C-alpha atoms as a PDB file:
ATOM      1  CA  MET A   1      13.495  -0.203 -22.930  1.00  0.00           C
ATOM      2  CA  THR A   2      10.106   1.527 -22.831  1.00  0.00           C
ATOM      3  CA  TYR A   3       6.800   0.978 -24.547  1.00  0.00           C
ATOM      4  CA  ASN A   4       6.685   0.337 -28.271  1.00  0.00           C
ATOM      5  CA  PRO A   5       4.881   3.449 -29.647  1.00  0.00           C
ATOM      6  CA  ASP A   6       3.621   1.472 -32.642  1.00  0.00           C
ATOM      7  CA  LEU A   7       1.828  -0.942 -30.306  1.00  0.00           C
ATOM      8  CA  LEU A   8       0.466   1.799 -28.108  1.00  0.00           C
ATOM      9  CA  ASP A   9      -0.827   3.765 -31.096  1.00  0.00           C
ATOM     10  CA  LYS A  10      -3.212   0.878 -31.716  1.00  0.00           C
ATOM     11  CA  ALA A  11      -5.101   1.928 -28.591  1.00  0.00           C
ATOM     12  CA  LYS A  12      -7.030   4.652 -30.436  1.00  0.00           C
ATOM     13  CA  ARG A  13     -10.685   4.845 -29.539  1.00  0.00           C
ATOM     14  CA  HIS A  14     -13.604   5.131 -31.927  1.00  0.00           C
ATOM     15  CA  PRO A  15     -13.326   8.110 -34.339  1.00  0.00           C
ATOM     16  CA  GLU A  16     -16.878   9.198 -33.594  1.00  0.00           C
ATOM     17  CA  LYS A  17     -15.912   9.869 -29.986  1.00  0.00           C
ATOM     18  CA  GLN A  18     -13.060  12.269 -30.813  1.00  0.00           C
ATOM     19  CA  LYS A  19     -15.325  15.245 -30.055  1.00  0.00           C
ATOM     20  CA  ASN A  20     -15.155  14.653 -26.287  1.00  0.00           C
ATOM     21  CA  PRO A  21     -13.471  17.915 -25.102  1.00  0.00           C
ATOM     22  CA  ASP A  22     -11.881  16.308 -22.041  1.00  0.00           C
ATOM     23  CA  ARG A  23     -10.349  13.597 -24.207  1.00  0.00           C
ATOM     24  CA  VAL A  24      -8.937  16.080 -26.735  1.00  0.00           C
ATOM     25  CA  SER A  25      -7.655  18.676 -24.260  1.00  0.00           C
ATOM     26  CA  GLY A  26      -6.566  16.356 -21.461  1.00  0.00           C
ATOM     27  CA  ARG A  27      -8.174  18.635 -18.866  1.00  0.00           C
ATOM     28  CA  LYS A  28      -9.015  16.954 -15.595  1.00  0.00           C
ATOM     29  CA  PRO A  29     -12.414  17.740 -14.064  1.00  0.00           C
ATOM     30  CA  SER A  30     -12.722  19.180 -10.581  1.00  0.00           C
ATOM     31  CA  TRP A  31     -13.395  15.809  -8.954  1.00  0.00           C
ATOM     32  CA  ILE A  32     -10.023  14.390 -10.046  1.00  0.00           C
ATOM     33  CA  ARG A  33      -7.806  15.755  -7.301  1.00  0.00           C
ATOM     34  CA  ALA A  34      -5.031  14.110  -5.294  1.00  0.00           C
ATOM     35  CA  LYS A  35      -2.855  15.697  -2.622  1.00  0.00           C
ATOM     36  CA  ALA A  36       0.838  16.103  -3.392  1.00  0.00           C
ATOM     37  CA  PRO A  37       3.050  13.583  -1.509  1.00  0.00           C
ATOM     38  CA  GLN A  38       4.500  15.148   1.649  1.00  0.00           C
ATOM     39  CA  GLY A  39       4.843  14.701   5.400  1.00  0.00           C
ATOM     40  CA  LYS A  40       7.124  12.986   7.903  1.00  0.00           C
ATOM     41  CA  VAL A  41       5.537   9.533   7.669  1.00  0.00           C
ATOM     42  CA  TYR A  42       5.596   9.696   3.868  1.00  0.00           C
ATOM     43  CA  ALA A  43       9.335  10.438   3.997  1.00  0.00           C
ATOM     44  CA  GLU A  44       9.933   7.594   6.473  1.00  0.00           C
ATOM     45  CA  THR A  45       8.031   5.123   4.290  1.00  0.00           C
ATOM     46  CA  LYS A  46       9.987   6.235   1.236  1.00  0.00           C
ATOM     47  CA  ALA A  47      13.286   5.862   3.115  1.00  0.00           C
ATOM     48  CA  LEU A  48      12.398   2.320   4.238  1.00  0.00           C
ATOM     49  CA  VAL A  49      11.444   1.303   0.693  1.00  0.00           C
ATOM     50  CA  ARG A  50      14.794   2.634  -0.538  1.00  0.00           C
ATOM     51  CA  LYS A  51      16.770   0.995   2.263  1.00  0.00           C
ATOM     52  CA  GLN A  52      15.308  -2.442   1.530  1.00  0.00           C
ATOM     53  CA  LYS A  53      15.776  -1.879  -2.240  1.00  0.00           C
ATOM     54  CA  LEU A  54      12.122  -2.576  -2.897  1.00  0.00           C
ATOM     55  CA  THR A  55       9.877  -1.586  -5.784  1.00  0.00           C
ATOM     56  CA  THR A  56       6.357  -0.290  -5.254  1.00  0.00           C
ATOM     57  CA  VAL A  57       3.572  -0.071  -7.798  1.00  0.00           C
ATOM     58  CA  CYS A  58       2.692   3.195  -6.053  1.00  0.00           C
ATOM     59  CA  GLU A  59       5.704   4.795  -7.742  1.00  0.00           C
ATOM     60  CA  GLU A  60       6.072   2.690 -10.868  1.00  0.00           C
ATOM     61  CA  ALA A  61       2.448   3.133 -11.959  1.00  0.00           C
ATOM     62  CA  GLY A  62       2.247   6.762 -10.843  1.00  0.00           C
ATOM     63  CA  CYS A  63      -0.663   6.129  -8.463  1.00  0.00           C
ATOM     64  CA  PRO A  64      -2.490   9.354  -7.518  1.00  0.00           C
ATOM     65  CA  ASN A  65      -3.038   8.066  -3.965  1.00  0.00           C
ATOM     66  CA  ILE A  66       0.636   7.610  -3.058  1.00  0.00           C
ATOM     67  CA  GLY A  67       0.706  10.573  -0.664  1.00  0.00           C
ATOM     68  CA  GLU A  68      -2.321   9.413   1.292  1.00  0.00           C
ATOM     69  CA  CYS A  69      -1.246   5.775   1.443  1.00  0.00           C
ATOM     70  CA  TRP A  70       2.413   6.322   2.344  1.00  0.00           C
ATOM     71  CA  ASN A  71       1.424   8.746   5.095  1.00  0.00           C
ATOM     72  CA  GLN A  72      -0.530   5.845   6.582  1.00  0.00           C
ATOM     73  CA  ARG A  73       2.422   3.469   6.051  1.00  0.00           C
ATOM     74  CA  HIS A  74       0.514   1.617   3.345  1.00  0.00           C
ATOM     75  CA  ALA A  75       2.465   0.483   0.308  1.00  0.00           C
ATOM     76  CA  THR A  76       1.856  -2.019  -2.462  1.00  0.00           C
ATOM     77  CA  PHE A  77       5.065  -3.886  -3.165  1.00  0.00           C
ATOM     78  CA  MET A  78       5.819  -4.869  -6.753  1.00  0.00           C
ATOM     79  CA  ILE A  79       8.004  -7.956  -7.019  1.00  0.00           C
ATOM     80  CA  MET A  80      10.147  -9.477  -9.783  1.00  0.00           C
ATOM     81  CA  GLY A  81      11.613  -6.216 -11.032  1.00  0.00           C
ATOM     82  CA  GLU A  82      10.590  -2.950 -12.672  1.00  0.00           C
ATOM     83  CA  VAL A  83      10.338  -4.205 -16.266  1.00  0.00           C
ATOM     84  CA  CYS A  84       7.270  -6.031 -17.611  1.00  0.00           C
ATOM     85  CA  THR A  85       7.174  -8.458 -20.541  1.00  0.00           C
ATOM     86  CA  ARG A  86       3.836  -7.061 -21.715  1.00  0.00           C
ATOM     87  CA  ALA A  87       2.830  -3.672 -23.109  1.00  0.00           C
ATOM     88  CA  CYS A  88      -0.639  -2.792 -21.859  1.00  0.00           C
ATOM     89  CA  ALA A  89      -1.713   0.524 -23.354  1.00  0.00           C
ATOM     90  CA  PHE A  90      -2.832   1.955 -20.000  1.00  0.00           C
ATOM     91  CA  CYS A  91       0.142   1.038 -17.810  1.00  0.00           C
ATOM     92  CA  ASN A  92       3.139   3.214 -16.942  1.00  0.00           C
ATOM     93  CA  VAL A  93       5.446   0.327 -16.017  1.00  0.00           C
ATOM     94  CA  ALA A  94       8.314  -0.095 -18.502  1.00  0.00           C
ATOM     95  CA  THR A  95       8.191  -2.928 -21.028  1.00  0.00           C
ATOM     96  CA  GLY A  96      11.224  -4.905 -22.139  1.00  0.00           C
ATOM     97  CA  ARG A  97      13.529  -7.751 -21.129  1.00  0.00           C
ATOM     98  CA  PRO A  98      13.543  -8.070 -17.314  1.00  0.00           C
ATOM     99  CA  ASP A  99      16.591  -8.771 -15.163  1.00  0.00           C
ATOM    100  CA  GLU A 100      17.189 -12.032 -13.353  1.00  0.00           C
ATOM    101  CA  LEU A 101      15.020 -12.590 -10.291  1.00  0.00           C
ATOM    102  CA  ASP A 102      16.401 -11.262  -7.014  1.00  0.00           C
ATOM    103  CA  LYS A 103      16.363 -14.317  -4.746  1.00  0.00           C
ATOM    104  CA  LEU A 104      16.604 -12.179  -1.604  1.00  0.00           C
ATOM    105  CA  GLU A 105      13.630  -9.994  -2.506  1.00  0.00           C
ATOM    106  CA  PRO A 106      10.993 -12.113  -0.691  1.00  0.00           C
ATOM    107  CA  LEU A 107      12.981 -11.910   2.548  1.00  0.00           C
ATOM    108  CA  ARG A 108      13.503  -8.153   2.229  1.00  0.00           C
ATOM    109  CA  ILE A 109       9.771  -7.684   1.758  1.00  0.00           C
ATOM    110  CA  GLY A 110       9.093  -9.788   4.840  1.00  0.00           C
ATOM    111  CA  VAL A 111      11.502  -7.607   6.838  1.00  0.00           C
ATOM    112  CA  ALA A 112       9.935  -4.390   5.509  1.00  0.00           C
ATOM    113  CA  VAL A 113       6.420  -5.580   6.374  1.00  0.00           C
ATOM    114  CA  LYS A 114       7.554  -6.289   9.933  1.00  0.00           C
ATOM    115  CA  GLN A 115       9.395  -2.964  10.295  1.00  0.00           C
ATOM    116  CA  MET A 116       6.406  -1.027   8.974  1.00  0.00           C
ATOM    117  CA  GLY A 117       4.065  -2.888  11.328  1.00  0.00           C
ATOM    118  CA  LEU A 118       1.624  -3.637   8.531  1.00  0.00           C
ATOM    119  CA  LYS A 119      -1.616  -5.391   9.452  1.00  0.00           C
ATOM    120  CA  HIS A 120      -2.391  -5.971   5.766  1.00  0.00           C
ATOM    121  CA  VAL A 121      -0.014  -5.961   2.801  1.00  0.00           C
ATOM    122  CA  VAL A 122      -0.590  -6.045  -0.961  1.00  0.00           C
ATOM    123  CA  ILE A 123       1.909  -7.778  -3.248  1.00  0.00           C
ATOM    124  CA  THR A 124       1.714  -7.276  -6.997  1.00  0.00           C
ATOM    125  CA  SER A 125       4.177  -7.891  -9.816  1.00  0.00           C
ATOM    126  CA  VAL A 126       5.162  -7.231 -13.367  1.00  0.00           C
ATOM    127  CA  ASP A 127       4.269  -9.957 -15.853  1.00  0.00           C
ATOM    128  CA  ARG A 128       7.168 -12.393 -16.284  1.00  0.00           C
ATOM    129  CA  ASP A 129       6.343 -14.371 -19.404  1.00  0.00           C
ATOM    130  CA  ASP A 130      10.089 -14.993 -19.748  1.00  0.00           C
ATOM    131  CA  LEU A 131      10.090 -17.385 -16.777  1.00  0.00           C
ATOM    132  CA  LYS A 132       9.073 -21.040 -17.053  1.00  0.00           C
ATOM    133  CA  ASP A 133       6.798 -20.747 -14.020  1.00  0.00           C
ATOM    134  CA  PHE A 134       5.725 -17.151 -14.844  1.00  0.00           C
ATOM    135  CA  GLY A 135       6.991 -16.118 -11.400  1.00  0.00           C
ATOM    136  CA  SER A 136       4.700 -18.348  -9.357  1.00  0.00           C
ATOM    137  CA  ASP A 137       7.516 -19.650  -7.119  1.00  0.00           C
ATOM    138  CA  HIS A 138       8.589 -16.089  -6.317  1.00  0.00           C
ATOM    139  CA  PHE A 139       5.037 -15.251  -5.243  1.00  0.00           C
ATOM    140  CA  VAL A 140       4.928 -18.324  -3.005  1.00  0.00           C
ATOM    141  CA  LYS A 141       8.276 -17.456  -1.394  1.00  0.00           C
ATOM    142  CA  THR A 142       7.169 -13.872  -0.810  1.00  0.00           C
ATOM    143  CA  ILE A 143       3.966 -14.984   0.918  1.00  0.00           C
ATOM    144  CA  GLN A 144       5.968 -17.435   3.039  1.00  0.00           C
ATOM    145  CA  ALA A 145       8.545 -14.781   3.992  1.00  0.00           C
ATOM    146  CA  ILE A 146       5.829 -12.361   5.122  1.00  0.00           C
ATOM    147  CA  ARG A 147       4.179 -15.079   7.201  1.00  0.00           C
ATOM    148  CA  MET A 148       7.534 -15.972   8.761  1.00  0.00           C
ATOM    149  CA  LYS A 149       8.533 -12.393   9.637  1.00  0.00           C
ATOM    150  CA  SER A 150       5.086 -10.981  10.423  1.00  0.00           C
ATOM    151  CA  PRO A 151       2.658 -13.853  11.084  1.00  0.00           C
ATOM    152  CA  ASP A 152      -0.260 -11.614  12.040  1.00  0.00           C
ATOM    153  CA  THR A 153      -0.182  -9.678   8.761  1.00  0.00           C
ATOM    154  CA  THR A 154      -2.869 -10.579   6.239  1.00  0.00           C
ATOM    155  CA  VAL A 155      -1.644 -10.931   2.671  1.00  0.00           C
ATOM    156  CA  GLU A 156      -3.362  -9.754  -0.500  1.00  0.00           C
ATOM    157  CA  ILE A 157      -1.806 -10.622  -3.852  1.00  0.00           C
ATOM    158  CA  LEU A 158      -2.357  -9.033  -7.244  1.00  0.00           C
ATOM    159  CA  PRO A 159      -0.589 -11.271  -9.783  1.00  0.00           C
ATOM    160  CA  GLY A 160      -0.802 -11.596 -13.546  1.00  0.00           C
ATOM    161  CA  ASP A 161      -2.415 -14.545 -15.277  1.00  0.00           C
ATOM    162  CA  PHE A 162       0.615 -16.888 -15.162  1.00  0.00           C
ATOM    163  CA  GLY A 163       0.206 -17.350 -18.887  1.00  0.00           C
ATOM    164  CA  GLY A 164      -2.856 -19.492 -18.299  1.00  0.00           C
ATOM    165  CA  SER A 165      -0.717 -22.179 -16.607  1.00  0.00           C
ATOM    166  CA  TRP A 166      -3.045 -23.675 -14.011  1.00  0.00           C
ATOM    167  CA  PRO A 167      -0.354 -25.801 -12.260  1.00  0.00           C
ATOM    168  CA  ASN A 168       1.586 -22.603 -11.533  1.00  0.00           C
ATOM    169  CA  LEU A 169      -1.582 -20.788 -10.522  1.00  0.00           C
ATOM    170  CA  ASP A 170      -2.485 -23.656  -8.179  1.00  0.00           C
ATOM    171  CA  ARG A 171       0.848 -23.343  -6.367  1.00  0.00           C
ATOM    172  CA  VAL A 172       0.068 -19.738  -5.541  1.00  0.00           C
ATOM    173  CA  ILE A 173      -3.502 -20.530  -4.493  1.00  0.00           C
ATOM    174  CA  ASP A 174      -2.149 -23.255  -2.220  1.00  0.00           C
ATOM    175  CA  ALA A 175       0.107 -20.703  -0.478  1.00  0.00           C
ATOM    176  CA  ARG A 176      -3.219 -19.401   0.846  1.00  0.00           C
ATOM    177  CA  PRO A 177      -3.123 -15.624   0.475  1.00  0.00           C
ATOM    178  CA  ASP A 178      -5.995 -13.987   2.312  1.00  0.00           C
ATOM    179  CA  VAL A 179      -7.144 -12.127  -0.802  1.00  0.00           C
ATOM    180  CA  PHE A 180      -6.487 -13.186  -4.389  1.00  0.00           C
ATOM    181  CA  ASN A 181      -6.864 -10.111  -6.601  1.00  0.00           C
ATOM    182  CA  HIS A 182      -6.561 -10.179 -10.388  1.00  0.00           C
ATOM    183  CA  ASN A 183      -7.833  -7.234 -12.377  1.00  0.00           C
ATOM    184  CA  LEU A 184      -9.880  -7.665 -15.540  1.00  0.00           C
ATOM    185  CA  GLU A 185      -9.059  -3.972 -16.156  1.00  0.00           C
ATOM    186  CA  THR A 186     -11.514  -3.334 -19.019  1.00  0.00           C
ATOM    187  CA  VAL A 187     -14.369  -4.788 -21.044  1.00  0.00           C
ATOM    188  CA  PRO A 188     -13.748  -7.668 -23.518  1.00  0.00           C
ATOM    189  CA  ARG A 189     -14.197  -5.509 -26.635  1.00  0.00           C
ATOM    190  CA  LEU A 190     -11.232  -3.316 -25.682  1.00  0.00           C
ATOM    191  CA  TYR A 191      -8.749  -6.093 -24.860  1.00  0.00           C
ATOM    192  CA  PRO A 192      -7.078  -6.196 -28.327  1.00  0.00           C
ATOM    193  CA  THR A 193      -6.069  -2.538 -28.065  1.00  0.00           C
ATOM    194  CA  VAL A 194      -5.869  -1.882 -24.321  1.00  0.00           C
ATOM    195  CA  ARG A 195      -4.583  -5.203 -22.990  1.00  0.00           C
ATOM    196  CA  PRO A 196      -3.211  -7.095 -26.035  1.00  0.00           C
ATOM    197  CA  GLY A 197      -1.076  -9.574 -24.084  1.00  0.00           C
ATOM    198  CA  ALA A 198      -3.982 -10.811 -21.958  1.00  0.00           C
ATOM    199  CA  ARG A 199      -7.205 -12.687 -22.598  1.00  0.00           C
ATOM    200  CA  TYR A 200     -10.466 -11.678 -20.925  1.00  0.00           C
ATOM    201  CA  PHE A 201     -11.875 -15.168 -20.387  1.00  0.00           C
ATOM    202  CA  ARG A 202      -8.505 -16.521 -19.255  1.00  0.00           C
ATOM    203  CA  SER A 203      -8.411 -13.908 -16.498  1.00  0.00           C
ATOM    204  CA  LEU A 204     -12.025 -14.610 -15.599  1.00  0.00           C
ATOM    205  CA  ARG A 205     -11.357 -18.352 -15.471  1.00  0.00           C
ATOM    206  CA  LEU A 206      -8.330 -17.751 -13.240  1.00  0.00           C
ATOM    207  CA  LEU A 207     -10.483 -16.080 -10.607  1.00  0.00           C
ATOM    208  CA  GLU A 208     -13.096 -18.803 -10.877  1.00  0.00           C
ATOM    209  CA  ARG A 209     -10.411 -21.443 -10.305  1.00  0.00           C
ATOM    210  CA  VAL A 210      -9.290 -19.752  -7.091  1.00  0.00           C
ATOM    211  CA  LYS A 211     -12.775 -20.240  -5.671  1.00  0.00           C
ATOM    212  CA  GLU A 212     -12.939 -23.837  -6.911  1.00  0.00           C
ATOM    213  CA  ARG A 213      -9.653 -24.732  -5.249  1.00  0.00           C
ATOM    214  CA  ASP A 214     -10.115 -22.742  -2.038  1.00  0.00           C
ATOM    215  CA  PRO A 215     -13.651 -21.412  -1.467  1.00  0.00           C
ATOM    216  CA  ASN A 216     -12.517 -19.560   1.658  1.00  0.00           C
ATOM    217  CA  GLN A 217     -10.113 -17.286  -0.196  1.00  0.00           C
ATOM    218  CA  PHE A 218     -11.551 -13.888  -0.972  1.00  0.00           C
ATOM    219  CA  THR A 219     -11.374 -12.983  -4.660  1.00  0.00           C
ATOM    220  CA  LYS A 220     -11.212  -9.462  -5.968  1.00  0.00           C
ATOM    221  CA  SER A 221     -11.038  -7.793  -9.370  1.00  0.00           C
ATOM    222  CA  GLY A 222     -10.980  -4.273 -10.750  1.00  0.00           C
ATOM    223  CA  LEU A 223     -12.005  -2.216 -13.754  1.00  0.00           C
ATOM    224  CA  MET A 224     -10.927   1.120 -15.168  1.00  0.00           C
ATOM    225  CA  VAL A 225     -13.534   3.273 -16.858  1.00  0.00           C
ATOM    226  CA  GLY A 226     -12.915   6.037 -19.340  1.00  0.00           C
ATOM    227  CA  LEU A 227     -11.325   3.947 -22.092  1.00  0.00           C
ATOM    228  CA  GLY A 228     -14.376   3.795 -24.347  1.00  0.00           C
ATOM    229  CA  GLU A 229     -16.537   1.212 -22.598  1.00  0.00           C
ATOM    230  CA  THR A 230     -20.305   1.553 -22.266  1.00  0.00           C
ATOM    231  CA  ARG A 231     -22.396   1.262 -19.103  1.00  0.00           C
ATOM    232  CA  GLU A 232     -23.995  -1.882 -20.545  1.00  0.00           C
ATOM    233  CA  GLU A 233     -20.591  -3.469 -21.119  1.00  0.00           C
ATOM    234  CA  VAL A 234     -19.545  -2.678 -17.542  1.00  0.00           C
ATOM    235  CA  GLY A 235     -22.756  -4.310 -16.317  1.00  0.00           C
ATOM    236  CA  GLN A 236     -21.993  -7.441 -18.338  1.00  0.00           C
ATOM    237  CA  VAL A 237     -18.492  -7.638 -16.821  1.00  0.00           C
ATOM    238  CA  MET A 238     -20.079  -7.431 -13.378  1.00  0.00           C
ATOM    239  CA  ASP A 239     -22.348 -10.352 -14.282  1.00  0.00           C
ATOM    240  CA  ASP A 240     -19.332 -12.339 -15.503  1.00  0.00           C
ATOM    241  CA  MET A 241     -17.490 -11.598 -12.265  1.00  0.00           C
ATOM    242  CA  ARG A 242     -20.381 -12.725 -10.133  1.00  0.00           C
ATOM    243  CA  ALA A 243     -20.730 -15.930 -12.175  1.00  0.00           C
ATOM    244  CA  ALA A 244     -17.062 -16.571 -11.333  1.00  0.00           C
ATOM    245  CA  GLY A 245     -17.765 -16.040  -7.624  1.00  0.00           C
ATOM    246  CA  ILE A 246     -15.785 -12.809  -7.241  1.00  0.00           C
ATOM    247  CA  ASP A 247     -16.390 -11.177  -3.850  1.00  0.00           C
ATOM    248  CA  PHE A 248     -15.043  -7.658  -4.269  1.00  0.00           C
ATOM    249  CA  ILE A 249     -15.072  -5.285  -7.251  1.00  0.00           C
ATOM    250  CA  THR A 250     -13.131  -2.022  -7.557  1.00  0.00           C
ATOM    251  CA  ILE A 251     -13.852   0.567 -10.266  1.00  0.00           C
ATOM    252  CA  GLY A 252     -11.798   3.706 -10.874  1.00  0.00           C
ATOM    253  CA  GLN A 253     -11.255   6.382 -13.500  1.00  0.00           C
ATOM    254  CA  TYR A 254      -8.503   5.717 -16.042  1.00  0.00           C
ATOM    255  CA  LEU A 255      -5.906   8.501 -16.100  1.00  0.00           C
ATOM    256  CA  GLN A 256      -3.531   8.640 -19.064  1.00  0.00           C
ATOM    257  CA  PRO A 257       0.079   8.364 -17.781  1.00  0.00           C
ATOM    258  CA  THR A 258       1.697   9.928 -20.890  1.00  0.00           C
ATOM    259  CA  PRO A 259       0.540  11.072 -24.346  1.00  0.00           C
ATOM    260  CA  LYS A 260       1.804   7.757 -25.769  1.00  0.00           C
ATOM    261  CA  HIS A 261      -0.644   5.745 -23.677  1.00  0.00           C
ATOM    262  CA  ALA A 262      -4.272   4.973 -24.460  1.00  0.00           C
ATOM    263  CA  PRO A 263      -6.237   8.254 -24.591  1.00  0.00           C
ATOM    264  CA  ILE A 264      -9.016   9.087 -22.166  1.00  0.00           C
ATOM    265  CA  ASP A 265     -12.362   8.704 -23.873  1.00  0.00           C
ATOM    266  CA  LYS A 266     -14.434  10.083 -21.016  1.00  0.00           C
ATOM    267  CA  PHE A 267     -14.266  11.256 -17.422  1.00  0.00           C
ATOM    268  CA  TRP A 268     -17.046   9.452 -15.558  1.00  0.00           C
ATOM    269  CA  THR A 269     -18.765  11.719 -13.033  1.00  0.00           C
ATOM    270  CA  PRO A 270     -19.105  11.016  -9.289  1.00  0.00           C
ATOM    271  CA  GLU A 271     -22.832  10.498  -9.891  1.00  0.00           C
ATOM    272  CA  GLU A 272     -22.078   7.842 -12.484  1.00  0.00           C
ATOM    273  CA  PHE A 273     -19.734   6.103 -10.056  1.00  0.00           C
ATOM    274  CA  GLU A 274     -22.550   6.096  -7.503  1.00  0.00           C
ATOM    275  CA  GLN A 275     -24.758   4.434 -10.111  1.00  0.00           C
ATOM    276  CA  LEU A 276     -22.085   1.793 -10.730  1.00  0.00           C
ATOM    277  CA  THR A 277     -21.870   1.199  -6.974  1.00  0.00           C
ATOM    278  CA  ARG A 278     -25.612   0.607  -6.719  1.00  0.00           C
ATOM    279  CA  MET A 279     -25.515  -1.675  -9.758  1.00  0.00           C
ATOM    280  CA  ALA A 280     -22.674  -3.778  -8.325  1.00  0.00           C
ATOM    281  CA  LYS A 281     -24.339  -4.102  -4.918  1.00  0.00           C
ATOM    282  CA  ALA A 282     -27.573  -5.191  -6.581  1.00  0.00           C
ATOM    283  CA  LYS A 283     -25.660  -7.930  -8.387  1.00  0.00           C
ATOM    284  CA  GLY A 284     -24.479  -9.413  -5.095  1.00  0.00           C
ATOM    285  CA  PHE A 285     -20.841  -8.391  -4.535  1.00  0.00           C
ATOM    286  CA  LEU A 286     -19.797  -8.532  -0.896  1.00  0.00           C
ATOM    287  CA  MET A 287     -17.792  -5.333  -1.320  1.00  0.00           C
ATOM    288  CA  VAL A 288     -17.806  -2.502  -3.853  1.00  0.00           C
ATOM    289  CA  SER A 289     -15.398   0.410  -4.167  1.00  0.00           C
ATOM    290  CA  ALA A 290     -16.238   2.703  -7.091  1.00  0.00           C
ATOM    291  CA  THR A 291     -14.955   6.286  -7.123  1.00  0.00           C
ATOM    292  CA  PRO A 292     -12.868   8.322  -9.574  1.00  0.00           C
ATOM    293  CA  LEU A 293      -9.666   7.730  -7.582  1.00  0.00           C
ATOM    294  CA  THR A 294     -10.339   4.126  -6.565  1.00  0.00           C
ATOM    295  CA  ARG A 295      -7.367   1.848  -7.210  1.00  0.00           C
ATOM    296  CA  SER A 296      -7.018  -1.881  -6.518  1.00  0.00           C
ATOM    297  CA  SER A 297      -4.971  -1.558  -3.349  1.00  0.00           C
ATOM    298  CA  HIS A 298      -6.325   1.768  -2.079  1.00  0.00           C
ATOM    299  CA  HIS A 299      -7.603   1.285   1.510  1.00  0.00           C
ATOM    300  CA  ALA A 300      -6.948  -2.452   1.080  1.00  0.00           C
ATOM    301  CA  GLY A 301      -6.445  -3.068   4.796  1.00  0.00           C
ATOM    302  CA  ASP A 302      -9.666  -1.363   5.872  1.00  0.00           C
ATOM    303  CA  ASP A 303     -11.519  -2.999   2.997  1.00  0.00           C
ATOM    304  CA  PHE A 304     -10.307  -6.442   4.048  1.00  0.00           C
ATOM    305  CA  ALA A 305     -11.819  -5.972   7.499  1.00  0.00           C
ATOM    306  CA  LYS A 306     -15.102  -4.883   5.898  1.00  0.00           C
ATOM    307  CA  LEU A 307     -14.950  -7.845   3.516  1.00  0.00           C
ATOM    308  CA  LYS A 308     -14.679 -10.322   6.400  1.00  0.00           C
ATOM    309  CA  ALA A 309     -17.541  -8.615   8.222  1.00  0.00           C
ATOM    310  CA  ALA A 310     -19.710  -8.700   5.071  1.00  0.00           C
ATOM    311  CA  ARG A 311     -19.109 -12.428   4.620  1.00  0.00           C
ATOM    312  CA  GLN A 312     -19.973 -13.139   8.245  1.00  0.00           C
ATOM    313  CA  GLU A 313     -23.148 -11.078   7.958  1.00  0.00           C
ATOM    314  CA  LYS A 314     -24.139 -12.992   4.832  1.00  0.00           C
ATOM    315  CA  LEU A 315     -23.494 -16.357   6.479  1.00  0.00           C
ATOM    316  CA  THR A 316     -25.459 -15.348   9.553  1.00  0.00           C
ATOM    317  CA  LYS A 317     -28.383 -14.221   7.401  1.00  0.00           C
ATOM    318  CA  MET A 318     -28.318 -17.469   5.413  1.00  0.00           C
ATOM    319  CA  ALA A 319     -28.290 -19.539   8.614  1.00  0.00           C
ATOM    320  CA  ALA A 320     -31.303 -17.664   9.939  1.00  0.00           C
ATOM    321  CA  GLU A 321     -33.390 -18.244   6.817  1.00  0.00           C
END
């Protein structure tokens, strides 16, 4: 089963913005360029993913950075299947009734992380609103399997909102991932059309709760631009994130996966991304990654090292004052 076109058609932007030539024609500007996947290491990474029967968001979401990341043996594993119970208008992952959970998946991921020699791994998932615990136990077991097979690997997770169930969220927090990432994706005004199965303030509260329960965990969240948001709305989301204690913000250009998905309202320029970077830094984020091709897990390992260094620098500065 794939997306419901009737639901996705609701993601139309404001009629007055239909004149945007990039939005109408679908042309990509010169700064939206990604190298085609190729190379020996890319092929080896792909073969290992296939051998362990694993799913990656790199493939399922059609990430433009897959060639670069897989050539560096970086992959973001997507657990709990290839079918999501929600139908976000921007996402290329199939929507429908998922299969039963694969109980051996956490162990296979642990083995793959060890074989790939990963220093940092990102684990995301489809939404599993069909499960009583929304998949929280599977996340915990995956974190535990990675720690068992590759104890020196740092773990970053990118889960859904667990249906707003804080007991299930708390179980995952208590598994102590090194980075807890949950993307807000867009501004509140666009949630009904772009992210109808989610709630903006529920997602924001989730990230705030991570900090309340474990202040040492890094929190991270991301936005897509180009869906019809304004600069002022993006600034307000940044303020909301900082009020929730979020350490790291990522901002990237939305790229329409298929004509049935939410249309592109605007291609933000590199200069505008630089302005967003300066704005986010001024608001106090420890880390900011804002470029047209930025994605949540792009350069996640390198960014984690920078994130730790930024926190230490901040603590040192505070101690000296």
